[in-house]
């Protein structure tokens, strides 16, 4: 039978996520790419003190993709018939609220803590319902604390502190046992890639560099690698590599326009509770943004992420765009 195109969610987490250190690790597959909301405001300048970042991210996964293209009806039907696709996800709407705490001890050392809260609506039609001739959707709506990330940094590699190393852990603080709340699957477990947490303790290692091209332009580059050290319930999120770089213009007074390129490549999730066939991929986003410095202690910012390239393994849902807004307070 022919099915109208439905949607499948991307795994792992790449989105408009944090400043050079502070980006949430999204548990909903590969929805977006981490970006740097304002790399100078995250303690990378080396100025001692506390910074608080409050951030809202919106990711609406509503486009079904296979490989590097939009999925076709025939491709979805073949995946269902071949057993590589066990459900047809209709929609995943993600809203992330993240509290970031960044403390710079001195010009060489600092620590950053990210505490995310997830508001995620998800709906899907499972293969058993389809086989029985139905198309009734099952849905869930999470309101949960996600996995907390604690990152340290050392920026004493150069006299100016413009080169640094990143190291830290993603902790298994997020819920991993949420169920569907409506539809034929009500009461059964939600897919692991769509839980608020991965259930794993992950190691994150990275490096960054930032500086000035001239009196008008600043730049930064950053790389982060994340891998699970300890897992549970036979689910292991795939290793992920995030690469970010950007420029900002510093001669508009309080207004600071900037543009970034954010990329992530993620391996497939593994384990009996993983959707291995439909997880992992490579995403590249162009991210224009604008920061407004209200005073010496406070600033607000906003970004839009636009996909330059999206490649997903199997059949997955991808967003057409992502958006982030937030504010940073210096103490």
Protein backbone atom coordinates (compact mmCIF):
# COMPACT_ATOMS: atom_id res chain seq x y z
CA UNK A 1 0.00 0.00 0.00
CA UNK A 2 1.13 3.54 -0.58
CA UNK A 3 1.70 5.75 2.45
CA UNK A 4 1.81 9.51 2.44
CA UNK A 5 5.27 10.63 3.51
CA UNK A 6 5.62 10.51 7.26
CA UNK A 7 8.59 11.43 9.37
CA UNK A 8 11.46 9.80 11.20
CA UNK A 9 13.57 11.56 13.79
CA UNK A 10 17.32 12.26 13.55
CA UNK A 11 19.47 11.02 16.42
CA UNK A 12 22.05 12.59 18.61
CA UNK A 13 22.29 16.18 19.18
CA UNK A 14 23.65 18.88 17.27
CA UNK A 15 21.97 22.16 17.56
CA UNK A 16 22.27 25.71 18.27
CA UNK A 17 23.48 24.74 21.45
CA UNK A 18 26.12 26.56 23.38
CA UNK A 19 28.81 28.94 23.28
CA UNK A 20 32.13 27.55 22.66
CA UNK A 21 31.63 25.46 25.76
CA UNK A 22 28.04 25.75 26.50
CA UNK A 23 25.89 23.82 24.25
CA UNK A 24 23.30 21.33 25.23
CA UNK A 25 23.77 17.82 24.06
CA UNK A 26 20.40 17.11 22.55
CA UNK A 27 19.05 13.63 23.05
CA UNK A 28 16.70 13.70 20.10
CA UNK A 29 19.01 12.34 17.49
CA UNK A 30 20.83 14.66 15.13
CA UNK A 31 18.46 17.56 15.18
CA UNK A 32 20.93 20.38 14.78
CA UNK A 33 24.50 21.52 15.34
CA UNK A 34 25.99 23.14 18.41
CA UNK A 35 26.89 26.75 17.82
CA UNK A 36 28.69 29.41 19.82
CA UNK A 37 26.13 31.93 20.99
CA UNK A 38 28.85 34.39 21.98
CA UNK A 39 32.29 32.95 22.44
CA UNK A 40 33.67 35.91 24.40
CA UNK A 41 30.80 35.73 26.91
CA UNK A 42 31.61 32.18 27.99
CA UNK A 43 34.74 32.98 29.94
CA UNK A 44 37.12 32.50 27.03
CA UNK A 45 38.43 36.03 27.39
CA UNK A 46 40.20 34.95 30.59
CA UNK A 47 38.55 37.61 32.76
CA UNK A 48 37.85 36.02 36.21
CA UNK A 49 34.26 35.86 37.36
CA UNK A 50 30.87 34.20 36.97
CA UNK A 51 28.70 34.31 33.87
CA UNK A 52 25.11 33.05 33.64
CA UNK A 53 23.59 32.19 30.29
CA UNK A 54 19.85 31.58 29.80
CA UNK A 55 18.93 30.16 26.41
CA UNK A 56 15.92 28.96 24.42
CA UNK A 57 16.32 26.72 21.35
CA UNK A 58 13.57 25.71 18.94
CA UNK A 59 13.97 22.72 16.59
CA UNK A 60 10.99 21.52 14.59
CA UNK A 61 11.78 18.17 12.94
CA UNK A 62 9.20 18.04 10.18
CA UNK A 63 10.99 16.96 7.00
CA UNK A 64 11.56 13.28 6.29
CA UNK A 65 14.96 12.61 4.71
CA UNK A 66 16.85 9.58 3.43
CA UNK A 67 20.55 10.00 2.75
CA UNK A 68 21.13 13.52 1.49
CA UNK A 69 17.68 13.99 -0.05
CA UNK A 70 14.05 14.30 0.88
CA UNK A 71 12.56 10.84 1.39
CA UNK A 72 10.10 9.48 -1.17
CA UNK A 73 6.94 7.44 -0.64
CA UNK A 74 8.57 4.50 -2.40
CA UNK A 75 11.66 4.70 -0.21
CA UNK A 76 9.60 4.76 2.99
CA UNK A 77 7.46 1.83 1.83
CA UNK A 78 10.56 -0.20 0.90
CA UNK A 79 12.14 0.45 4.30
CA UNK A 80 8.95 -0.69 6.05
CA UNK A 81 8.69 -3.80 3.88
CA UNK A 82 12.38 -4.64 4.39
CA UNK A 83 12.14 -4.33 8.16
CA UNK A 84 14.71 -1.51 8.50
CA UNK A 85 11.99 0.95 9.54
CA UNK A 86 9.70 -0.09 12.37
CA UNK A 87 7.60 3.06 12.55
CA UNK A 88 6.82 6.23 10.65
CA UNK A 89 7.41 9.25 12.82
CA UNK A 90 5.06 12.11 12.08
CA UNK A 91 6.53 15.04 13.97
CA UNK A 92 9.04 15.93 16.69
CA UNK A 93 8.90 19.48 18.04
CA UNK A 94 11.75 20.35 20.42
CA UNK A 95 11.98 23.30 22.77
CA UNK A 96 15.09 23.46 24.95
CA UNK A 97 15.61 25.73 27.95
CA UNK A 98 19.22 25.75 29.12
CA UNK A 99 20.86 27.33 32.14
CA UNK A 100 24.59 27.80 31.62
CA UNK A 101 26.94 28.62 34.48
CA UNK A 102 30.49 29.61 33.55
CA UNK A 103 33.18 30.44 36.09
CA UNK A 104 36.63 31.67 35.14
CA UNK A 105 39.08 31.06 37.98
CA UNK A 106 42.02 32.86 36.38
CA UNK A 107 43.49 33.46 32.94
CA UNK A 108 44.30 29.74 32.56
CA UNK A 109 41.42 27.76 34.09
CA UNK A 110 37.64 27.78 33.92
CA UNK A 111 34.61 25.53 34.29
CA UNK A 112 31.25 25.48 32.52
CA UNK A 113 28.02 23.69 33.57
CA UNK A 114 25.02 23.24 31.26
CA UNK A 115 21.62 22.28 32.71
CA UNK A 116 19.03 21.64 29.96
CA UNK A 117 15.27 21.23 30.32
CA UNK A 118 13.42 19.56 27.43
CA UNK A 119 9.92 20.25 26.15
CA UNK A 120 9.46 17.71 23.35
CA UNK A 121 6.30 16.66 21.51
CA UNK A 122 6.57 13.53 19.39
CA UNK A 123 4.10 11.53 17.31
CA UNK A 124 4.55 8.34 15.28
CA UNK A 125 2.66 5.50 13.58
CA UNK A 126 4.08 2.05 14.38
CA UNK A 127 4.41 -0.75 11.83
CA UNK A 128 1.89 -3.02 13.60
CA UNK A 129 -0.80 -0.35 13.29
CA UNK A 130 0.06 0.12 9.61
CA UNK A 131 0.01 -3.65 8.98
CA UNK A 132 -3.47 -3.81 10.49
CA UNK A 133 -4.64 -1.20 8.00
CA UNK A 134 -4.68 1.73 10.41
CA UNK A 135 -2.83 5.00 10.54
CA UNK A 136 -3.58 6.13 14.09
CA UNK A 137 -0.68 8.06 15.60
CA UNK A 138 0.82 7.50 19.04
CA UNK A 139 2.26 10.50 20.84
CA UNK A 140 4.24 11.68 23.84
CA UNK A 141 5.02 15.06 25.35
CA UNK A 142 8.11 15.26 27.57
CA UNK A 143 8.77 17.97 30.13
CA UNK A 144 12.00 16.71 31.66
CA UNK A 145 15.46 17.65 32.87
CA UNK A 146 18.07 16.52 30.36
CA UNK A 147 21.64 15.30 30.74
CA UNK A 148 23.82 17.83 32.57
CA UNK A 149 27.21 18.59 31.07
CA UNK A 150 30.24 19.72 33.12
CA UNK A 151 33.20 21.04 31.12
CA UNK A 152 36.59 22.30 32.19
CA UNK A 153 38.97 24.37 30.07
CA UNK A 154 42.64 25.23 30.10
CA UNK A 155 43.66 28.30 28.13
CA UNK A 156 47.23 28.70 29.30
CA UNK A 157 48.80 27.38 26.10
CA UNK A 158 49.56 30.86 24.78
CA UNK A 159 50.39 34.21 26.41
CA UNK A 160 47.13 35.75 25.18
CA UNK A 161 44.96 32.80 26.24
CA UNK A 162 43.56 32.50 22.73
CA UNK A 163 44.23 28.74 22.47
CA UNK A 164 42.47 26.34 24.80
CA UNK A 165 41.67 22.73 25.60
CA UNK A 166 38.23 21.46 26.62
CA UNK A 167 37.48 18.36 28.68
CA UNK A 168 34.50 17.13 30.64
CA UNK A 169 31.59 14.76 31.13
CA UNK A 170 27.97 14.51 30.13
CA UNK A 171 26.18 12.98 33.10
CA UNK A 172 23.20 10.55 32.94
CA UNK A 173 20.77 12.87 34.72
CA UNK A 174 17.99 12.79 32.11
CA UNK A 175 14.94 10.50 32.16
CA UNK A 176 15.28 7.31 30.08
CA UNK A 177 12.01 5.49 30.88
CA UNK A 178 9.28 7.78 29.52
CA UNK A 179 6.31 6.15 27.76
CA UNK A 180 3.91 7.08 25.00
CA UNK A 181 0.88 8.80 26.52
CA UNK A 182 -1.71 8.54 23.74
CA UNK A 183 -2.62 6.34 20.78
CA UNK A 184 -2.10 2.60 20.13
CA UNK A 185 1.32 2.64 21.85
CA UNK A 186 0.11 4.40 25.03
CA UNK A 187 1.94 2.96 28.03
CA UNK A 188 4.78 1.44 26.01
CA UNK A 189 8.35 2.76 26.12
CA UNK A 190 9.36 5.75 24.04
CA UNK A 191 12.32 5.21 21.70
CA UNK A 192 15.64 5.66 23.50
CA UNK A 193 16.86 8.36 21.10
CA UNK A 194 13.78 10.42 22.01
CA UNK A 195 14.15 10.19 25.79
CA UNK A 196 15.29 13.26 27.73
CA UNK A 197 18.58 11.47 28.54
CA UNK A 198 20.79 8.88 26.89
CA UNK A 199 21.49 6.96 30.11
CA UNK A 200 25.20 7.18 29.35
CA UNK A 201 28.16 8.96 30.90
CA UNK A 202 30.01 10.59 28.00
CA UNK A 203 33.53 11.98 27.73
CA UNK A 204 33.96 15.21 25.78
CA UNK A 205 37.35 16.42 24.56
CA UNK A 206 38.09 19.42 22.40
CA UNK A 207 40.16 22.44 21.53
CA UNK A 208 39.52 25.99 20.38
CA UNK A 209 41.22 29.11 19.20
CA UNK A 210 39.94 32.66 18.81
CA UNK A 211 41.42 36.01 17.92
CA UNK A 212 41.18 39.21 15.87
CA UNK A 213 41.73 39.55 12.13
CA UNK A 214 41.90 43.34 12.45
CA UNK A 215 40.23 46.08 14.51
CA UNK A 216 36.83 45.27 13.01
CA UNK A 217 36.69 41.46 12.78
CA UNK A 218 37.06 38.63 15.32
CA UNK A 219 37.14 34.91 14.54
CA UNK A 220 36.99 31.56 16.33
CA UNK A 221 37.37 27.85 15.58
CA UNK A 222 36.45 24.89 17.78
CA UNK A 223 36.35 21.10 17.64
CA UNK A 224 34.63 18.74 20.12
CA UNK A 225 34.57 14.94 20.23
CA UNK A 226 32.09 13.05 22.41
CA UNK A 227 32.04 9.33 23.22
CA UNK A 228 30.12 7.21 25.73
CA UNK A 229 32.26 5.77 28.56
CA UNK A 230 29.52 3.98 30.48
CA UNK A 231 26.11 2.91 29.20
CA UNK A 232 23.05 1.07 30.49
CA UNK A 233 19.99 -0.84 29.24
CA UNK A 234 21.81 -2.01 26.10
CA UNK A 235 21.86 1.41 24.42
CA UNK A 236 24.96 3.30 23.34
CA UNK A 237 24.73 6.67 21.56
CA UNK A 238 27.06 6.97 18.60
CA UNK A 239 30.34 8.89 18.85
CA UNK A 240 30.03 12.47 17.60
CA UNK A 241 32.43 15.10 16.26
CA UNK A 242 31.37 18.78 16.21
CA UNK A 243 33.31 21.41 14.26
CA UNK A 244 32.45 25.11 14.53
CA UNK A 245 33.96 28.30 13.16
CA UNK A 246 32.85 31.87 12.69
CA UNK A 247 33.44 35.59 12.33
CA UNK A 248 31.91 38.61 14.01
CA UNK A 249 31.99 42.33 13.22
CA UNK A 250 32.97 44.53 16.17
CA UNK A 251 32.50 48.10 14.84
CA UNK A 252 28.73 48.58 15.15
CA UNK A 253 28.76 49.81 18.71
CA UNK A 254 26.47 47.74 20.90
CA UNK A 255 25.34 45.59 17.97
CA UNK A 256 27.57 42.65 17.03
CA UNK A 257 26.55 40.73 13.89
CA UNK A 258 28.21 37.38 13.29
CA UNK A 259 28.06 34.31 11.11
CA UNK A 260 29.12 30.73 11.83
CA UNK A 261 29.41 27.40 10.09
CA UNK A 262 28.47 24.50 12.40
CA UNK A 263 29.02 20.86 11.45
CA UNK A 264 28.47 17.52 13.13
CA UNK A 265 29.11 13.96 12.10
CA UNK A 266 27.71 11.19 14.26
CA UNK A 267 28.12 7.41 14.20
CA UNK A 268 25.12 5.10 14.46
CA UNK A 269 23.65 4.28 17.87
CA UNK A 270 24.22 0.67 18.91
CA UNK A 271 22.66 -1.91 21.23
CA UNK A 272 19.44 -3.90 21.41
CA UNK A 273 17.46 -0.77 22.31
CA UNK A 274 18.96 1.40 19.57
CA UNK A 275 17.49 2.15 16.16
CA UNK A 276 20.85 1.47 14.53
CA UNK A 277 19.61 1.61 10.93
CA UNK A 278 18.06 5.05 11.37
CA UNK A 279 20.58 6.94 13.47
CA UNK A 280 23.69 9.01 12.85
CA UNK A 281 24.69 11.16 9.91
CA UNK A 282 26.40 14.40 8.94
CA UNK A 283 24.92 17.89 9.24
CA UNK A 284 26.33 21.28 8.20
CA UNK A 285 24.57 24.54 9.05
CA UNK A 286 25.09 28.23 8.24
CA UNK A 287 24.23 30.27 11.34
CA UNK A 288 23.84 34.05 11.10
CA UNK A 289 23.29 35.80 14.42
CA UNK A 290 23.20 39.11 16.24
CA UNK A 291 24.23 40.12 19.77
CA UNK A 292 23.14 43.33 21.52
CA UNK A 293 25.27 44.55 24.44
CA UNK A 294 22.79 46.18 26.81
CA UNK A 295 25.57 47.27 29.18
CA UNK A 296 28.89 45.96 30.49
CA UNK A 297 27.16 43.17 32.41
CA UNK A 298 24.34 41.98 30.16
CA UNK A 299 23.74 41.06 26.54
CA UNK A 300 21.06 39.35 24.47
CA UNK A 301 21.55 37.30 21.32
CA UNK A 302 19.69 35.46 18.61
CA UNK A 303 20.64 32.98 15.87
CA UNK A 304 19.02 31.15 12.99
CA UNK A 305 20.54 27.91 11.66
CA UNK A 306 20.01 27.10 7.99
CA UNK A 307 21.05 23.69 6.59
CA UNK A 308 23.82 23.68 4.00
CA UNK A 309 24.09 19.88 3.92
CA UNK A 310 22.15 17.09 5.60
CA UNK A 311 23.01 13.40 5.27
CA UNK A 312 21.22 10.88 7.47
CA UNK A 313 21.57 7.12 7.79
CA UNK A 314 18.37 5.32 6.94
CA UNK A 315 15.20 7.41 7.22
CA UNK A 316 15.14 10.28 9.70
CA UNK A 317 13.35 13.53 10.44
CA UNK A 318 15.32 16.73 9.95
CA UNK A 319 14.48 20.38 10.66
CA UNK A 320 14.27 22.94 7.87
CA UNK A 321 15.73 25.56 10.23
CA UNK A 322 16.58 26.05 13.90
CA UNK A 323 16.42 29.15 16.10
CA UNK A 324 18.06 30.23 19.36
CA UNK A 325 17.67 33.27 21.61
CA UNK A 326 19.24 34.00 24.97
CA UNK A 327 20.82 36.38 27.40
CA UNK A 328 24.18 36.40 29.22
CA UNK A 329 24.80 38.10 32.55
CA UNK A 330 28.31 38.84 33.89
CA UNK A 331 29.07 39.07 37.60
